[in-house]
Every structure is written in structure tokens, then in C-alpha cells.
Amino acid sequence: MYIKSGCPCENPWVESFHSRFRDNRLNRELFLNLKEAEVVISDWKRLFKDERPHSGIHYKLPVQVYHSDGGADCRPRSPG
């Protein structure tokens, strides 16, 4: 299946992630080299995935949900 880039109606999750990533990290940094970019992006990815509340799991931290019920509530949700 081909999905055009920049078309949120075809892949809203990826487009939402890219938008947040650009707003929260790329537009705020001036990377001097590739290693610096790797470290900064890795730190942000850990924060985004593990340390911030997610609306899809009732604004809990993913690690809280995973450890409370063995990860059963961590599966992706369909829109609507």
C-alpha cells in the first residue's frame, strides 16, 4: 500500500508523530554534528515513549499501565 507523505488523512498516527517531533525537538535544536543529534533525539524518544502521559491509556504513563496489568492495555487503539 502506498501512502503519500504529508497526507494525514492516509496515516494520521505517523503524521501526528512527525508534527510533534518537529515541534518539540527539531525546530528547537541546532545540531552541530550527527552524534549530538543522535543523543538529543534518543533522549526525546525515551521521554515521548516512556515518561509522558498518553491519552490513549487514560493519561497514565505507559510503564504504569504495562506493569499494572501485564501490558494488556498497551495495544494500539483504532480511531473513532
N, C-alpha and C. Protein backbone atom coordinates (compact mmCIF):
# COMPACT_ATOMS: atom_id res chain seq x y z
N MET A 1 0.84 -1.17 0.00
CA MET A 1 0.00 0.00 0.00
C MET A 1 0.89 1.24 0.00
N TYR A 2 0.63 2.16 -0.87
CA TYR A 2 1.40 3.40 -0.97
C TYR A 2 0.66 4.51 -0.22
N ILE A 3 1.38 5.19 0.66
CA ILE A 3 0.82 6.33 1.40
C ILE A 3 1.64 7.55 1.06
N LYS A 4 1.00 8.57 0.54
CA LYS A 4 1.70 9.81 0.20
C LYS A 4 2.17 10.50 1.47
N SER A 5 3.40 10.99 1.47
CA SER A 5 3.88 11.73 2.63
C SER A 5 3.16 13.07 2.72
N GLY A 6 2.98 13.53 3.94
CA GLY A 6 2.29 14.80 4.13
C GLY A 6 0.79 14.71 3.95
N CYS A 7 0.24 13.51 3.99
CA CYS A 7 -1.19 13.32 3.81
C CYS A 7 -1.78 12.71 5.08
N PRO A 8 -2.14 13.53 6.07
CA PRO A 8 -2.60 13.00 7.35
C PRO A 8 -3.86 12.15 7.26
N CYS A 9 -4.65 12.32 6.22
CA CYS A 9 -5.86 11.51 6.11
C CYS A 9 -5.53 10.05 5.80
N GLU A 10 -4.33 9.77 5.30
CA GLU A 10 -3.96 8.40 4.98
C GLU A 10 -3.21 7.70 6.11
N ASN A 11 -2.50 8.45 6.93
CA ASN A 11 -1.77 7.86 8.05
C ASN A 11 -1.67 8.88 9.18
N PRO A 12 -2.76 9.06 9.93
CA PRO A 12 -2.79 10.13 10.93
C PRO A 12 -1.82 9.93 12.08
N TRP A 13 -1.52 8.68 12.47
CA TRP A 13 -0.62 8.45 13.60
C TRP A 13 0.80 8.89 13.27
N VAL A 14 1.27 8.53 12.09
CA VAL A 14 2.63 8.90 11.69
C VAL A 14 2.72 10.41 11.50
N GLU A 15 1.74 11.00 10.87
CA GLU A 15 1.77 12.44 10.66
C GLU A 15 1.70 13.19 11.98
N SER A 16 0.92 12.69 12.93
CA SER A 16 0.85 13.32 14.25
C SER A 16 2.20 13.23 14.95
N PHE A 17 2.83 12.06 14.89
CA PHE A 17 4.14 11.89 15.49
C PHE A 17 5.16 12.84 14.86
N HIS A 18 5.19 12.88 13.54
CA HIS A 18 6.14 13.75 12.85
C HIS A 18 5.94 15.21 13.23
N SER A 19 4.70 15.63 13.34
CA SER A 19 4.39 17.01 13.72
C SER A 19 4.91 17.30 15.13
N ARG A 20 4.64 16.41 16.06
CA ARG A 20 5.11 16.60 17.44
C ARG A 20 6.62 16.57 17.51
N PHE A 21 7.22 15.64 16.78
CA PHE A 21 8.68 15.52 16.77
C PHE A 21 9.32 16.80 16.24
N ARG A 22 8.78 17.34 15.17
CA ARG A 22 9.32 18.57 14.60
C ARG A 22 9.13 19.74 15.57
N ASP A 23 7.93 19.88 16.13
CA ASP A 23 7.66 21.00 17.05
C ASP A 23 8.46 20.91 18.34
N ASN A 24 8.53 19.72 18.91
CA ASN A 24 9.15 19.56 20.23
C ASN A 24 10.66 19.35 20.20
N ARG A 25 11.21 18.96 19.08
CA ARG A 25 12.63 18.68 19.08
C ARG A 25 13.38 19.34 17.92
N LEU A 26 13.01 19.05 16.70
CA LEU A 26 13.81 19.51 15.57
C LEU A 26 13.81 21.02 15.42
N ASN A 27 12.69 21.67 15.65
CA ASN A 27 12.64 23.12 15.49
C ASN A 27 13.28 23.86 16.66
N ARG A 28 13.64 23.16 17.73
CA ARG A 28 14.22 23.80 18.90
C ARG A 28 15.72 23.59 19.02
N GLU A 29 16.30 22.82 18.16
CA GLU A 29 17.71 22.46 18.27
C GLU A 29 18.49 22.86 17.03
N LEU A 30 19.73 23.18 17.25
CA LEU A 30 20.69 23.37 16.17
C LEU A 30 21.79 22.34 16.41
N PHE A 31 21.76 21.27 15.66
CA PHE A 31 22.70 20.18 15.87
C PHE A 31 24.03 20.53 15.21
N LEU A 32 25.11 20.37 15.97
CA LEU A 32 26.43 20.68 15.44
C LEU A 32 27.06 19.49 14.73
N ASN A 33 26.60 18.29 15.06
CA ASN A 33 27.11 17.10 14.38
C ASN A 33 26.11 15.96 14.54
N LEU A 34 26.35 14.87 13.87
CA LEU A 34 25.43 13.74 13.86
C LEU A 34 25.32 13.10 15.24
N LYS A 35 26.42 12.98 15.96
CA LYS A 35 26.41 12.36 17.29
C LYS A 35 25.52 13.16 18.24
N GLU A 36 25.61 14.47 18.21
CA GLU A 36 24.76 15.30 19.06
C GLU A 36 23.29 15.08 18.72
N ALA A 37 22.98 15.01 17.44
CA ALA A 37 21.60 14.77 17.02
C ALA A 37 21.11 13.42 17.52
N GLU A 38 21.94 12.39 17.44
CA GLU A 38 21.57 11.07 17.91
C GLU A 38 21.26 11.07 19.41
N VAL A 39 22.08 11.75 20.20
CA VAL A 39 21.88 11.79 21.65
C VAL A 39 20.61 12.54 22.00
N VAL A 40 20.42 13.71 21.41
CA VAL A 40 19.25 14.54 21.71
C VAL A 40 17.97 13.82 21.28
N ILE A 41 17.97 13.23 20.11
CA ILE A 41 16.78 12.54 19.61
C ILE A 41 16.50 11.28 20.44
N SER A 42 17.52 10.57 20.84
CA SER A 42 17.35 9.39 21.69
C SER A 42 16.72 9.77 23.02
N ASP A 43 17.19 10.85 23.63
CA ASP A 43 16.62 11.32 24.89
C ASP A 43 15.15 11.70 24.71
N TRP A 44 14.84 12.40 23.63
CA TRP A 44 13.46 12.81 23.39
C TRP A 44 12.56 11.59 23.15
N LYS A 45 13.08 10.62 22.41
CA LYS A 45 12.30 9.41 22.12
C LYS A 45 11.94 8.67 23.40
N ARG A 46 12.91 8.55 24.32
CA ARG A 46 12.66 7.91 25.60
C ARG A 46 11.58 8.67 26.37
N LEU A 47 11.69 9.99 26.40
CA LEU A 47 10.69 10.81 27.07
C LEU A 47 9.31 10.64 26.43
N PHE A 48 9.25 10.69 25.12
CA PHE A 48 7.99 10.60 24.38
C PHE A 48 7.32 9.25 24.60
N LYS A 49 8.09 8.18 24.58
CA LYS A 49 7.52 6.84 24.66
C LYS A 49 7.28 6.36 26.08
N ASP A 50 8.11 6.78 27.04
CA ASP A 50 8.08 6.17 28.36
C ASP A 50 7.71 7.10 29.51
N GLU A 51 7.97 8.39 29.38
CA GLU A 51 7.88 9.26 30.54
C GLU A 51 6.80 10.33 30.44
N ARG A 52 5.96 10.28 29.45
CA ARG A 52 4.88 11.27 29.38
C ARG A 52 3.54 10.56 29.36
N PRO A 53 2.52 11.14 29.97
CA PRO A 53 1.20 10.51 29.96
C PRO A 53 0.64 10.44 28.53
N HIS A 54 -0.05 9.37 28.23
CA HIS A 54 -0.64 9.17 26.91
C HIS A 54 -2.16 9.19 27.01
N SER A 55 -2.80 9.92 26.12
CA SER A 55 -4.27 10.00 26.14
C SER A 55 -4.91 8.64 25.84
N GLY A 56 -4.27 7.83 25.01
CA GLY A 56 -4.84 6.52 24.65
C GLY A 56 -4.91 5.54 25.81
N ILE A 57 -4.18 5.80 26.88
CA ILE A 57 -4.23 4.94 28.06
C ILE A 57 -4.62 5.77 29.28
N HIS A 58 -5.58 6.65 29.05
CA HIS A 58 -6.20 7.45 30.12
C HIS A 58 -5.19 8.33 30.86
N TYR A 59 -4.28 8.92 30.13
CA TYR A 59 -3.29 9.86 30.65
C TYR A 59 -2.43 9.26 31.76
N LYS A 60 -2.13 7.98 31.61
CA LYS A 60 -1.18 7.32 32.51
C LYS A 60 0.14 7.18 31.77
N LEU A 61 1.18 6.88 32.52
CA LEU A 61 2.47 6.58 31.91
C LEU A 61 2.42 5.16 31.36
N PRO A 62 3.00 4.92 30.19
CA PRO A 62 2.99 3.57 29.63
C PRO A 62 3.54 2.52 30.60
N VAL A 63 4.59 2.86 31.31
CA VAL A 63 5.20 1.89 32.22
C VAL A 63 4.24 1.54 33.36
N GLN A 64 3.41 2.48 33.80
CA GLN A 64 2.43 2.19 34.84
C GLN A 64 1.40 1.19 34.34
N VAL A 65 0.90 1.40 33.15
CA VAL A 65 -0.11 0.51 32.59
C VAL A 65 0.48 -0.86 32.33
N TYR A 66 1.67 -0.89 31.78
CA TYR A 66 2.29 -2.16 31.44
C TYR A 66 2.50 -3.02 32.69
N HIS A 67 2.98 -2.41 33.76
CA HIS A 67 3.26 -3.17 34.97
C HIS A 67 2.00 -3.48 35.78
N SER A 68 0.95 -2.70 35.61
CA SER A 68 -0.26 -2.93 36.39
C SER A 68 -1.09 -4.11 35.87
N ASP A 69 -1.03 -4.38 34.55
CA ASP A 69 -1.87 -5.47 34.02
C ASP A 69 -1.14 -6.32 32.99
N GLY A 70 0.15 -6.34 33.06
CA GLY A 70 0.91 -7.19 32.15
C GLY A 70 0.96 -6.70 30.72
N GLY A 71 0.60 -5.44 30.49
CA GLY A 71 0.70 -4.88 29.16
C GLY A 71 -0.54 -5.05 28.31
N ALA A 72 -1.61 -5.60 28.86
CA ALA A 72 -2.80 -5.86 28.06
C ALA A 72 -3.44 -4.59 27.53
N ASP A 73 -3.27 -3.47 28.25
CA ASP A 73 -3.91 -2.22 27.83
C ASP A 73 -2.98 -1.37 26.95
N CYS A 74 -1.85 -1.90 26.52
CA CYS A 74 -0.88 -1.13 25.75
C CYS A 74 -1.00 -1.36 24.25
N ARG A 75 -2.00 -2.07 23.81
CA ARG A 75 -2.11 -2.31 22.37
C ARG A 75 -2.66 -1.06 21.68
N PRO A 76 -2.33 -0.86 20.41
CA PRO A 76 -2.79 0.32 19.68
C PRO A 76 -4.31 0.37 19.61
N ARG A 77 -4.83 1.55 19.62
CA ARG A 77 -6.26 1.76 19.54
C ARG A 77 -6.62 2.25 18.14
N SER A 78 -7.76 1.82 17.65
CA SER A 78 -8.22 2.30 16.35
C SER A 78 -8.95 3.63 16.56
N PRO A 79 -8.93 4.52 15.56
CA PRO A 79 -9.61 5.82 15.71
C PRO A 79 -11.11 5.65 15.73
N GLY A 80 -11.75 6.56 16.44
CA GLY A 80 -13.20 6.62 16.43
C GLY A 80 -13.82 5.76 17.40
